[in-house]
C-alpha cells in the first residue's frame, strides 16, 4: 500500500493542490517500509490526482482539497482523508493505528 501526503515542510499542507511536494509512504505489514518525497506537478484540473495515481497512491491525506479532485480520487478508487492537520508523522501514525478520521474540508472552492 502507498500513502500520499500533501506536505508543507514536515506538516500536512493546508491546501492539497498548492503544496510544492508530496510525501509517499510505502506500507508493508502495517509499518512504514520507505518514504519518497516528489515535487508537485503543475496545479491544473485533474493533473495532481493523475500524478498521485501514477505514483501508486492508494490513500491520500490532506487538509483542504477541492471537490473536483475528490471526485477524481473516488473514480480512481483512492481513499481520501480530509481535514488532516499537524505533522506528517502524527498523521501517518494515526492512519496506521486506525484512529485517523476525515474531518472538515478546509477548501471552499
N, C-alpha and C. Protein backbone atom coordinates (compact mmCIF):
# COMPACT_ATOMS: atom_id res chain seq x y z
N UNK A 1 0.85 -1.17 0.00
CA UNK A 1 0.00 0.00 0.00
C UNK A 1 0.89 1.23 0.00
N UNK A 2 0.39 2.30 -0.63
CA UNK A 2 1.14 3.55 -0.66
C UNK A 2 0.22 4.69 -0.23
N UNK A 3 0.73 5.50 0.70
CA UNK A 3 0.00 6.66 1.21
C UNK A 3 0.70 7.91 0.70
N UNK A 4 -0.07 8.84 0.13
CA UNK A 4 0.47 10.12 -0.31
C UNK A 4 -0.04 11.23 0.61
N UNK A 5 0.87 12.11 1.00
CA UNK A 5 0.51 13.21 1.89
C UNK A 5 0.94 14.52 1.25
N UNK A 6 0.00 15.45 1.12
CA UNK A 6 0.34 16.81 0.67
C UNK A 6 1.15 17.44 1.78
N UNK A 7 2.37 17.92 1.46
CA UNK A 7 3.24 18.38 2.53
C UNK A 7 3.69 19.81 2.39
N UNK A 8 3.91 20.43 3.54
CA UNK A 8 4.50 21.75 3.66
C UNK A 8 5.49 21.63 4.81
N UNK A 9 6.76 21.64 4.49
CA UNK A 9 7.81 21.28 5.44
C UNK A 9 7.53 19.85 5.90
N UNK A 10 7.36 19.63 7.19
CA UNK A 10 7.04 18.29 7.68
C UNK A 10 5.62 18.23 8.24
N UNK A 11 4.77 19.13 7.76
CA UNK A 11 3.37 19.16 8.16
C UNK A 11 2.47 18.88 6.97
N UNK A 12 1.25 18.47 7.26
CA UNK A 12 0.25 18.30 6.20
C UNK A 12 -0.08 19.69 5.67
N UNK A 13 0.02 19.87 4.37
CA UNK A 13 -0.24 21.18 3.75
C UNK A 13 -1.70 21.57 3.92
N UNK A 14 -1.93 22.87 4.07
CA UNK A 14 -3.30 23.35 4.24
C UNK A 14 -4.14 23.13 3.00
N UNK A 15 -3.55 23.24 1.81
CA UNK A 15 -4.32 23.03 0.59
C UNK A 15 -3.58 22.05 -0.31
N UNK A 16 -4.21 20.95 -0.55
CA UNK A 16 -3.69 19.84 -1.33
C UNK A 16 -3.07 20.27 -2.66
N UNK A 17 -3.75 21.10 -3.42
CA UNK A 17 -3.31 21.45 -4.76
C UNK A 17 -2.24 22.53 -4.82
N UNK A 18 -1.94 23.15 -3.70
CA UNK A 18 -0.97 24.25 -3.71
C UNK A 18 0.34 23.90 -3.02
N UNK A 19 0.50 22.68 -2.57
CA UNK A 19 1.77 22.32 -1.93
C UNK A 19 2.83 22.10 -3.01
N UNK A 20 4.08 22.17 -2.59
CA UNK A 20 5.18 22.01 -3.55
C UNK A 20 5.66 20.57 -3.64
N UNK A 21 5.32 19.75 -2.64
CA UNK A 21 5.77 18.35 -2.63
C UNK A 21 4.70 17.45 -2.03
N UNK A 22 4.83 16.18 -2.36
CA UNK A 22 4.01 15.13 -1.77
C UNK A 22 4.95 14.08 -1.20
N UNK A 23 4.65 13.62 0.01
CA UNK A 23 5.41 12.53 0.63
C UNK A 23 4.67 11.24 0.35
N UNK A 24 5.37 10.26 -0.20
CA UNK A 24 4.80 8.94 -0.49
C UNK A 24 5.40 7.93 0.49
N UNK A 25 4.53 7.25 1.21
CA UNK A 25 4.96 6.25 2.18
C UNK A 25 4.57 4.86 1.70
N UNK A 26 5.55 3.98 1.58
CA UNK A 26 5.28 2.58 1.29
C UNK A 26 4.99 1.89 2.61
N UNK A 27 3.88 1.17 2.67
CA UNK A 27 3.48 0.48 3.90
C UNK A 27 3.43 -1.02 3.62
N UNK A 28 4.13 -1.76 4.46
CA UNK A 28 4.12 -3.22 4.37
C UNK A 28 3.88 -3.79 5.76
N UNK A 29 2.94 -4.71 5.86
CA UNK A 29 2.59 -5.33 7.14
C UNK A 29 2.30 -4.29 8.21
N UNK A 30 1.62 -3.21 7.83
CA UNK A 30 1.21 -2.19 8.78
C UNK A 30 2.31 -1.26 9.26
N UNK A 31 3.48 -1.32 8.61
CA UNK A 31 4.60 -0.47 9.02
C UNK A 31 5.18 0.25 7.81
N UNK A 32 5.78 1.41 8.09
CA UNK A 32 6.41 2.19 7.03
C UNK A 32 7.65 1.44 6.54
N UNK A 33 7.69 1.17 5.24
CA UNK A 33 8.82 0.47 4.64
C UNK A 33 9.71 1.42 3.84
N UNK A 34 9.22 2.62 3.58
CA UNK A 34 10.01 3.58 2.83
C UNK A 34 9.25 4.88 2.62
N UNK A 35 9.99 5.91 2.28
CA UNK A 35 9.40 7.22 2.02
C UNK A 35 10.14 7.87 0.86
N UNK A 36 9.36 8.52 0.00
CA UNK A 36 9.93 9.28 -1.10
C UNK A 36 9.14 10.57 -1.23
N UNK A 37 9.83 11.70 -1.28
CA UNK A 37 9.19 12.99 -1.49
C UNK A 37 9.37 13.38 -2.95
N UNK A 38 8.24 13.71 -3.60
CA UNK A 38 8.26 14.09 -5.00
C UNK A 38 7.70 15.49 -5.19
N UNK A 39 8.32 16.25 -6.07
CA UNK A 39 7.87 17.60 -6.39
C UNK A 39 6.50 17.52 -7.06
N UNK A 40 5.65 18.44 -6.68
CA UNK A 40 4.30 18.50 -7.24
C UNK A 40 4.32 18.95 -8.69
N UNK A 41 3.46 18.35 -9.51
CA UNK A 41 3.32 18.87 -10.88
C UNK A 41 2.54 20.17 -10.85
N UNK A 42 2.32 20.73 -12.02
CA UNK A 42 1.54 21.97 -12.11
C UNK A 42 0.16 21.80 -11.49
N UNK A 43 -0.38 22.92 -11.00
CA UNK A 43 -1.72 22.91 -10.43
C UNK A 43 -2.71 23.24 -11.53
N UNK A 44 -3.30 22.20 -12.11
CA UNK A 44 -4.32 22.35 -13.15
C UNK A 44 -5.33 21.23 -12.94
N UNK A 45 -6.57 21.42 -13.37
CA UNK A 45 -7.60 20.41 -13.13
C UNK A 45 -7.19 19.00 -13.58
N UNK A 46 -7.26 18.07 -12.63
CA UNK A 46 -7.01 16.66 -12.91
C UNK A 46 -5.57 16.21 -12.92
N UNK A 47 -4.62 17.16 -12.95
CA UNK A 47 -3.21 16.80 -13.07
C UNK A 47 -2.68 16.12 -11.81
N UNK A 48 -2.95 16.69 -10.65
CA UNK A 48 -2.38 16.14 -9.42
C UNK A 48 -2.99 14.78 -9.06
N UNK A 49 -4.30 14.59 -9.14
CA UNK A 49 -4.81 13.23 -8.88
C UNK A 49 -4.19 12.18 -9.80
N UNK A 50 -4.02 12.52 -11.07
CA UNK A 50 -3.39 11.59 -12.01
C UNK A 50 -1.94 11.31 -11.61
N UNK A 51 -1.21 12.35 -11.22
CA UNK A 51 0.17 12.21 -10.76
C UNK A 51 0.26 11.27 -9.55
N UNK A 52 -0.62 11.45 -8.58
CA UNK A 52 -0.58 10.59 -7.39
C UNK A 52 -0.93 9.15 -7.74
N UNK A 53 -1.90 8.96 -8.61
CA UNK A 53 -2.27 7.61 -9.06
C UNK A 53 -1.10 6.95 -9.79
N UNK A 54 -0.46 7.68 -10.69
CA UNK A 54 0.67 7.14 -11.45
C UNK A 54 1.84 6.77 -10.54
N UNK A 55 1.93 7.41 -9.38
CA UNK A 55 2.99 7.11 -8.43
C UNK A 55 2.54 6.12 -7.36
N UNK A 56 1.40 5.46 -7.59
CA UNK A 56 0.99 4.33 -6.77
C UNK A 56 0.15 4.61 -5.55
N UNK A 57 -0.33 5.85 -5.38
CA UNK A 57 -1.10 6.17 -4.17
C UNK A 57 -2.39 5.37 -4.09
N UNK A 58 -2.61 4.77 -2.92
CA UNK A 58 -3.87 4.09 -2.60
C UNK A 58 -4.71 4.92 -1.65
N UNK A 59 -4.02 5.76 -0.87
CA UNK A 59 -4.64 6.61 0.15
C UNK A 59 -3.99 7.98 0.06
N UNK A 60 -4.81 9.03 0.25
CA UNK A 60 -4.30 10.40 0.25
C UNK A 60 -4.73 11.07 1.55
N UNK A 61 -3.78 11.75 2.20
CA UNK A 61 -4.07 12.54 3.39
C UNK A 61 -3.90 14.00 3.04
N UNK A 62 -4.92 14.81 3.34
CA UNK A 62 -4.88 16.23 3.01
C UNK A 62 -5.70 17.01 4.01
N UNK A 63 -5.43 18.30 4.10
CA UNK A 63 -6.23 19.17 4.95
C UNK A 63 -7.42 19.68 4.14
N UNK A 64 -7.15 20.53 3.16
CA UNK A 64 -8.20 21.04 2.29
C UNK A 64 -7.98 20.58 0.87
N UNK A 65 -9.07 20.23 0.20
CA UNK A 65 -8.98 19.70 -1.17
C UNK A 65 -10.27 20.03 -1.91
N UNK A 66 -10.16 20.38 -3.16
CA UNK A 66 -11.33 20.75 -3.95
C UNK A 66 -12.21 19.55 -4.31
N UNK A 67 -13.47 19.83 -4.57
CA UNK A 67 -14.42 18.76 -4.89
C UNK A 67 -14.08 18.02 -6.17
N UNK A 68 -13.54 18.74 -7.15
CA UNK A 68 -13.15 18.08 -8.40
C UNK A 68 -12.11 17.00 -8.16
N UNK A 69 -11.11 17.31 -7.35
CA UNK A 69 -10.07 16.32 -7.02
C UNK A 69 -10.68 15.16 -6.24
N UNK A 70 -11.56 15.46 -5.30
CA UNK A 70 -12.22 14.39 -4.53
C UNK A 70 -12.98 13.45 -5.45
N UNK A 71 -13.68 14.01 -6.42
CA UNK A 71 -14.44 13.19 -7.37
C UNK A 71 -13.51 12.30 -8.19
N UNK A 72 -12.38 12.86 -8.65
CA UNK A 72 -11.43 12.08 -9.43
C UNK A 72 -10.83 10.95 -8.60
N UNK A 73 -10.47 11.23 -7.36
CA UNK A 73 -9.93 10.17 -6.50
C UNK A 73 -10.95 9.06 -6.28
N UNK A 74 -12.20 9.44 -6.11
CA UNK A 74 -13.25 8.44 -5.93
C UNK A 74 -13.35 7.54 -7.17
N UNK A 75 -13.32 8.15 -8.35
CA UNK A 75 -13.36 7.38 -9.60
C UNK A 75 -12.16 6.45 -9.73
N UNK A 76 -11.01 6.86 -9.18
CA UNK A 76 -9.79 6.08 -9.27
C UNK A 76 -9.69 5.01 -8.18
N UNK A 77 -10.63 5.02 -7.24
CA UNK A 77 -10.59 4.06 -6.15
C UNK A 77 -9.58 4.40 -5.07
N UNK A 78 -9.22 5.67 -4.96
CA UNK A 78 -8.26 6.13 -3.96
C UNK A 78 -9.02 6.73 -2.79
N UNK A 79 -8.74 6.24 -1.59
CA UNK A 79 -9.38 6.73 -0.37
C UNK A 79 -8.72 8.04 0.05
N UNK A 80 -9.52 9.06 0.35
CA UNK A 80 -9.01 10.36 0.75
C UNK A 80 -9.50 10.70 2.15
N UNK A 81 -8.57 11.11 3.00
CA UNK A 81 -8.89 11.63 4.33
C UNK A 81 -8.68 13.13 4.27
N UNK A 82 -9.73 13.90 4.56
CA UNK A 82 -9.63 15.36 4.52
C UNK A 82 -9.66 15.91 5.94
N UNK A 83 -9.26 17.17 6.07
CA UNK A 83 -9.24 17.81 7.38
C UNK A 83 -8.08 17.36 8.25
N UNK A 84 -7.10 16.69 7.64
CA UNK A 84 -5.95 16.21 8.39
C UNK A 84 -4.99 17.38 8.62
N UNK A 85 -4.63 17.60 9.88
CA UNK A 85 -3.76 18.71 10.23
C UNK A 85 -2.60 18.22 11.09
N UNK A 86 -1.56 19.05 11.17
CA UNK A 86 -0.44 18.75 12.05
C UNK A 86 0.70 18.09 11.30
N UNK A 87 1.55 17.41 12.06
CA UNK A 87 2.74 16.83 11.47
C UNK A 87 2.40 15.61 10.62
N UNK A 88 3.21 15.41 9.60
CA UNK A 88 3.04 14.25 8.73
C UNK A 88 3.23 12.97 9.54
N UNK A 89 4.24 12.95 10.40
CA UNK A 89 4.50 11.75 11.21
C UNK A 89 3.29 11.38 12.06
N UNK A 90 2.67 12.38 12.67
CA UNK A 90 1.50 12.13 13.50
C UNK A 90 0.33 11.62 12.66
N UNK A 91 0.13 12.20 11.49
CA UNK A 91 -0.97 11.77 10.60
C UNK A 91 -0.76 10.33 10.15
N UNK A 92 0.46 9.99 9.76
CA UNK A 92 0.75 8.62 9.31
C UNK A 92 0.55 7.64 10.46
N UNK A 93 1.03 8.00 11.66
CA UNK A 93 0.87 7.13 12.82
C UNK A 93 -0.62 6.88 13.10
N UNK A 94 -1.42 7.94 13.05
CA UNK A 94 -2.86 7.81 13.28
C UNK A 94 -3.51 6.92 12.23
N UNK A 95 -3.09 7.08 10.97
CA UNK A 95 -3.64 6.22 9.93
C UNK A 95 -3.30 4.76 10.19
N UNK A 96 -2.05 4.50 10.50
CA UNK A 96 -1.60 3.12 10.69
C UNK A 96 -2.23 2.46 11.92
N UNK A 97 -2.49 3.25 12.97
CA UNK A 97 -3.11 2.63 14.15
C UNK A 97 -4.64 2.66 14.10
N UNK A 98 -5.18 3.14 12.97
CA UNK A 98 -6.63 3.08 12.75
C UNK A 98 -7.43 4.17 13.42
N UNK A 99 -6.78 5.23 13.90
CA UNK A 99 -7.52 6.28 14.59
C UNK A 99 -7.74 7.54 13.74
N UNK A 100 -7.21 7.58 12.53
CA UNK A 100 -7.38 8.75 11.68
C UNK A 100 -8.78 8.75 11.07
N UNK A 101 -9.45 9.88 11.18
CA UNK A 101 -10.77 10.04 10.57
C UNK A 101 -10.77 11.31 9.74
N UNK A 102 -11.63 11.36 8.74
CA UNK A 102 -11.78 12.58 7.95
C UNK A 102 -12.47 13.63 8.81
N UNK A 103 -12.03 14.86 8.63
CA UNK A 103 -12.63 15.98 9.35
C UNK A 103 -13.25 16.94 8.37
N UNK A 104 -13.29 18.19 8.75
CA UNK A 104 -13.85 19.23 7.90
C UNK A 104 -12.88 19.55 6.78
N UNK A 105 -13.43 19.78 5.60
CA UNK A 105 -12.63 20.16 4.45
C UNK A 105 -12.38 21.66 4.53
N UNK A 106 -11.12 22.06 4.57
CA UNK A 106 -10.77 23.46 4.71
C UNK A 106 -10.67 24.18 3.37
N UNK A 107 -11.14 23.53 2.31
CA UNK A 107 -11.14 24.14 0.99
C UNK A 107 -12.56 24.57 0.65
N UNK A 108 -12.72 25.82 0.22
CA UNK A 108 -14.08 26.32 -0.03
C UNK A 108 -14.38 26.58 -1.50
N UNK A 109 -13.65 25.92 -2.42
CA UNK A 109 -13.96 26.13 -3.83
C UNK A 109 -14.06 24.80 -4.55
